[in-house]
N, C-alpha and C. Protein backbone atom coordinates (compact mmCIF):
# COMPACT_ATOMS: atom_id res chain seq x y z
N MET A 1 -1.07 -22.13 45.45
CA MET A 1 -0.41 -22.60 46.65
C MET A 1 -0.75 -21.65 47.81
N ASN A 2 -1.19 -22.22 48.90
CA ASN A 2 -1.44 -21.45 50.11
C ASN A 2 -0.10 -21.31 50.84
N ALA A 3 0.45 -20.12 50.80
CA ALA A 3 1.81 -19.90 51.29
C ALA A 3 1.99 -20.29 52.76
N GLU A 4 0.99 -20.03 53.60
CA GLU A 4 1.13 -20.35 55.03
C GLU A 4 1.20 -21.84 55.26
N LYS A 5 0.30 -22.59 54.62
CA LYS A 5 0.31 -24.05 54.78
C LYS A 5 1.57 -24.65 54.17
N VAL A 6 1.94 -24.14 53.00
CA VAL A 6 3.13 -24.66 52.34
C VAL A 6 4.37 -24.37 53.17
N GLU A 7 4.44 -23.19 53.75
CA GLU A 7 5.62 -22.84 54.56
C GLU A 7 5.79 -23.81 55.72
N LYS A 8 4.71 -24.10 56.41
CA LYS A 8 4.76 -25.03 57.55
C LYS A 8 5.21 -26.41 57.07
N THR A 9 4.64 -26.87 55.98
CA THR A 9 4.95 -28.20 55.47
C THR A 9 6.38 -28.28 54.94
N ILE A 10 6.81 -27.28 54.20
CA ILE A 10 8.18 -27.29 53.67
C ILE A 10 9.19 -27.21 54.80
N THR A 11 8.91 -26.40 55.80
CA THR A 11 9.80 -26.29 56.96
C THR A 11 9.91 -27.63 57.68
N GLU A 12 8.78 -28.30 57.89
CA GLU A 12 8.79 -29.62 58.53
C GLU A 12 9.54 -30.63 57.68
N THR A 13 9.35 -30.55 56.37
CA THR A 13 10.04 -31.47 55.46
C THR A 13 11.54 -31.28 55.54
N ILE A 14 11.99 -30.05 55.52
CA ILE A 14 13.42 -29.76 55.61
C ILE A 14 13.98 -30.28 56.93
N GLN A 15 13.27 -30.05 58.02
CA GLN A 15 13.72 -30.52 59.33
C GLN A 15 13.80 -32.05 59.37
N LYS A 16 12.80 -32.71 58.79
CA LYS A 16 12.79 -34.18 58.79
C LYS A 16 13.94 -34.73 57.95
N LEU A 17 14.17 -34.14 56.78
CA LEU A 17 15.28 -34.59 55.93
C LEU A 17 16.62 -34.41 56.65
N GLU A 18 16.77 -33.29 57.35
CA GLU A 18 18.00 -33.05 58.11
C GLU A 18 18.15 -34.06 59.23
N LYS A 19 17.06 -34.32 59.95
CA LYS A 19 17.10 -35.26 61.08
C LYS A 19 17.46 -36.67 60.62
N LEU A 20 16.89 -37.07 59.48
CA LEU A 20 17.15 -38.41 58.97
C LEU A 20 18.45 -38.49 58.15
N LYS A 21 19.06 -37.33 57.92
CA LYS A 21 20.31 -37.25 57.14
C LYS A 21 20.15 -37.94 55.79
N LEU A 22 19.05 -37.62 55.10
CA LEU A 22 18.75 -38.30 53.85
C LEU A 22 19.50 -37.73 52.65
N ASN A 23 19.52 -36.41 52.50
CA ASN A 23 20.15 -35.84 51.32
C ASN A 23 20.45 -34.36 51.59
N ASP A 24 21.68 -34.09 52.01
CA ASP A 24 22.05 -32.72 52.38
C ASP A 24 21.92 -31.75 51.21
N THR A 25 22.24 -32.21 50.02
CA THR A 25 22.14 -31.35 48.84
C THR A 25 20.69 -30.96 48.60
N LEU A 26 19.79 -31.93 48.68
CA LEU A 26 18.37 -31.65 48.47
C LEU A 26 17.84 -30.71 49.54
N VAL A 27 18.28 -30.87 50.76
CA VAL A 27 17.86 -29.98 51.85
C VAL A 27 18.26 -28.54 51.52
N SER A 28 19.48 -28.35 51.07
CA SER A 28 19.96 -27.01 50.72
C SER A 28 19.17 -26.45 49.53
N GLU A 29 18.95 -27.28 48.52
CA GLU A 29 18.22 -26.82 47.34
C GLU A 29 16.77 -26.48 47.67
N LEU A 30 16.13 -27.31 48.46
CA LEU A 30 14.74 -27.06 48.83
C LEU A 30 14.63 -25.79 49.66
N SER A 31 15.55 -25.62 50.57
CA SER A 31 15.57 -24.42 51.38
C SER A 31 15.76 -23.17 50.52
N TYR A 32 16.70 -23.24 49.60
CA TYR A 32 16.94 -22.12 48.69
C TYR A 32 15.69 -21.82 47.85
N CYS A 33 15.08 -22.86 47.30
CA CYS A 33 13.89 -22.68 46.47
C CYS A 33 12.74 -22.09 47.29
N TRP A 34 12.64 -22.49 48.54
CA TRP A 34 11.57 -21.95 49.37
C TRP A 34 11.76 -20.45 49.58
N PHE A 35 12.97 -20.04 49.92
CA PHE A 35 13.22 -18.62 50.13
C PHE A 35 13.08 -17.83 48.83
N SER A 36 13.44 -18.45 47.73
CA SER A 36 13.26 -17.82 46.43
C SER A 36 11.76 -17.64 46.13
N PHE A 37 10.98 -18.67 46.44
CA PHE A 37 9.52 -18.60 46.23
C PHE A 37 8.91 -17.47 47.06
N LYS A 38 9.38 -17.32 48.29
CA LYS A 38 8.83 -16.28 49.15
C LYS A 38 9.08 -14.88 48.58
N SER A 39 10.16 -14.73 47.82
CA SER A 39 10.45 -13.40 47.28
C SER A 39 9.83 -13.17 45.89
N ASP A 40 9.74 -14.23 45.07
CA ASP A 40 9.24 -14.01 43.71
C ASP A 40 7.92 -14.72 43.39
N ASN A 41 7.40 -15.51 44.32
CA ASN A 41 6.13 -16.25 44.14
C ASN A 41 6.12 -17.17 42.94
N ASN A 42 7.27 -17.65 42.53
CA ASN A 42 7.37 -18.62 41.44
C ASN A 42 7.59 -20.01 42.07
N PRO A 43 6.58 -20.89 42.03
CA PRO A 43 6.65 -22.16 42.76
C PRO A 43 7.39 -23.29 42.05
N VAL A 44 7.93 -23.05 40.86
CA VAL A 44 8.52 -24.13 40.08
C VAL A 44 9.60 -24.89 40.85
N GLY A 45 10.55 -24.19 41.44
CA GLY A 45 11.64 -24.84 42.17
C GLY A 45 11.15 -25.57 43.40
N VAL A 46 10.22 -24.95 44.13
CA VAL A 46 9.68 -25.59 45.34
C VAL A 46 8.97 -26.88 44.97
N ILE A 47 8.21 -26.85 43.90
CA ILE A 47 7.48 -28.05 43.48
C ILE A 47 8.45 -29.15 43.04
N GLU A 48 9.44 -28.79 42.25
CA GLU A 48 10.41 -29.77 41.76
C GLU A 48 11.17 -30.42 42.91
N LYS A 49 11.74 -29.60 43.77
CA LYS A 49 12.54 -30.14 44.89
C LYS A 49 11.63 -30.79 45.94
N GLY A 50 10.42 -30.27 46.09
CA GLY A 50 9.47 -30.86 47.02
C GLY A 50 9.08 -32.27 46.61
N ARG A 51 8.93 -32.49 45.31
CA ARG A 51 8.60 -33.84 44.82
C ARG A 51 9.73 -34.82 45.08
N LYS A 52 10.97 -34.35 44.92
CA LYS A 52 12.12 -35.21 45.21
C LYS A 52 12.16 -35.54 46.70
N ALA A 53 11.87 -34.54 47.52
CA ALA A 53 11.84 -34.77 48.97
C ALA A 53 10.73 -35.75 49.32
N LEU A 54 9.59 -35.61 48.67
CA LEU A 54 8.46 -36.51 48.91
C LEU A 54 8.86 -37.95 48.61
N GLU A 55 9.55 -38.17 47.51
CA GLU A 55 10.00 -39.52 47.16
C GLU A 55 10.91 -40.08 48.24
N LEU A 56 11.86 -39.26 48.71
CA LEU A 56 12.77 -39.72 49.76
C LEU A 56 12.03 -40.05 51.05
N LEU A 57 11.08 -39.21 51.41
CA LEU A 57 10.32 -39.45 52.64
C LEU A 57 9.48 -40.72 52.52
N LYS A 58 8.90 -40.94 51.36
CA LYS A 58 8.10 -42.17 51.15
C LYS A 58 8.99 -43.40 51.25
N GLU A 59 10.17 -43.34 50.64
CA GLU A 59 11.11 -44.46 50.72
C GLU A 59 11.51 -44.72 52.16
N SER A 60 11.78 -43.67 52.89
CA SER A 60 12.17 -43.81 54.29
C SER A 60 11.04 -44.40 55.11
N ARG A 61 9.81 -43.97 54.82
CA ARG A 61 8.64 -44.50 55.53
C ARG A 61 8.44 -45.98 55.24
N GLU A 62 8.71 -46.40 54.00
CA GLU A 62 8.57 -47.82 53.66
C GLU A 62 9.56 -48.68 54.45
N LYS A 63 10.75 -48.15 54.65
CA LYS A 63 11.78 -48.88 55.40
C LYS A 63 11.47 -48.90 56.89
N ASN A 64 10.96 -47.77 57.39
CA ASN A 64 10.65 -47.66 58.82
C ASN A 64 9.45 -46.72 58.96
N SER A 65 8.29 -47.29 59.22
CA SER A 65 7.06 -46.50 59.25
C SER A 65 7.05 -45.44 60.34
N LYS A 66 7.88 -45.60 61.35
CA LYS A 66 7.92 -44.61 62.43
C LYS A 66 8.87 -43.45 62.13
N ALA A 67 9.68 -43.58 61.09
CA ALA A 67 10.65 -42.54 60.77
C ALA A 67 9.99 -41.28 60.23
N VAL A 68 8.94 -41.45 59.44
CA VAL A 68 8.26 -40.33 58.81
C VAL A 68 6.76 -40.51 59.01
N SER A 69 6.12 -39.45 59.47
CA SER A 69 4.68 -39.55 59.73
C SER A 69 3.89 -39.54 58.43
N LYS A 70 2.79 -40.26 58.45
CA LYS A 70 1.89 -40.29 57.31
C LYS A 70 1.34 -38.89 57.04
N LYS A 71 1.10 -38.14 58.10
CA LYS A 71 0.56 -36.79 57.98
C LYS A 71 1.52 -35.87 57.22
N LEU A 72 2.80 -35.97 57.49
CA LEU A 72 3.78 -35.14 56.79
C LEU A 72 3.74 -35.44 55.29
N ILE A 73 3.70 -36.70 54.95
CA ILE A 73 3.64 -37.09 53.54
C ILE A 73 2.36 -36.57 52.89
N GLU A 74 1.24 -36.74 53.57
CA GLU A 74 -0.03 -36.25 53.01
C GLU A 74 -0.03 -34.73 52.88
N ASP A 75 0.48 -34.04 53.89
CA ASP A 75 0.55 -32.58 53.82
C ASP A 75 1.44 -32.10 52.69
N LEU A 76 2.55 -32.78 52.49
CA LEU A 76 3.46 -32.40 51.42
C LEU A 76 2.82 -32.67 50.06
N GLU A 77 2.11 -33.77 49.94
CA GLU A 77 1.42 -34.06 48.68
C GLU A 77 0.39 -32.97 48.38
N LYS A 78 -0.37 -32.56 49.38
CA LYS A 78 -1.37 -31.51 49.19
C LYS A 78 -0.71 -30.18 48.84
N ALA A 79 0.40 -29.88 49.50
CA ALA A 79 1.09 -28.61 49.25
C ALA A 79 1.63 -28.53 47.83
N LEU A 80 2.04 -29.66 47.29
CA LEU A 80 2.63 -29.67 45.96
C LEU A 80 1.61 -29.80 44.84
N SER A 81 0.37 -30.07 45.19
CA SER A 81 -0.64 -30.23 44.15
C SER A 81 -1.24 -28.91 43.72
């Protein structure tokens, strides 16, 4: 995982989830996992919560294509791979 690219993408994902009010619990968990990753470099939590966030963003995009950018989804997919 490229930490700089992932940081930008995870930060954008958290902001988008907050803006869309999709899942406050997931936002908190993803944020916690990100800060944990930054200290211990263990990506398991970030990947797990990131995938859940990706699913939510894809669902939101299907309902309203303008709600979530295609680029954010693609960036998040790349970051989690």
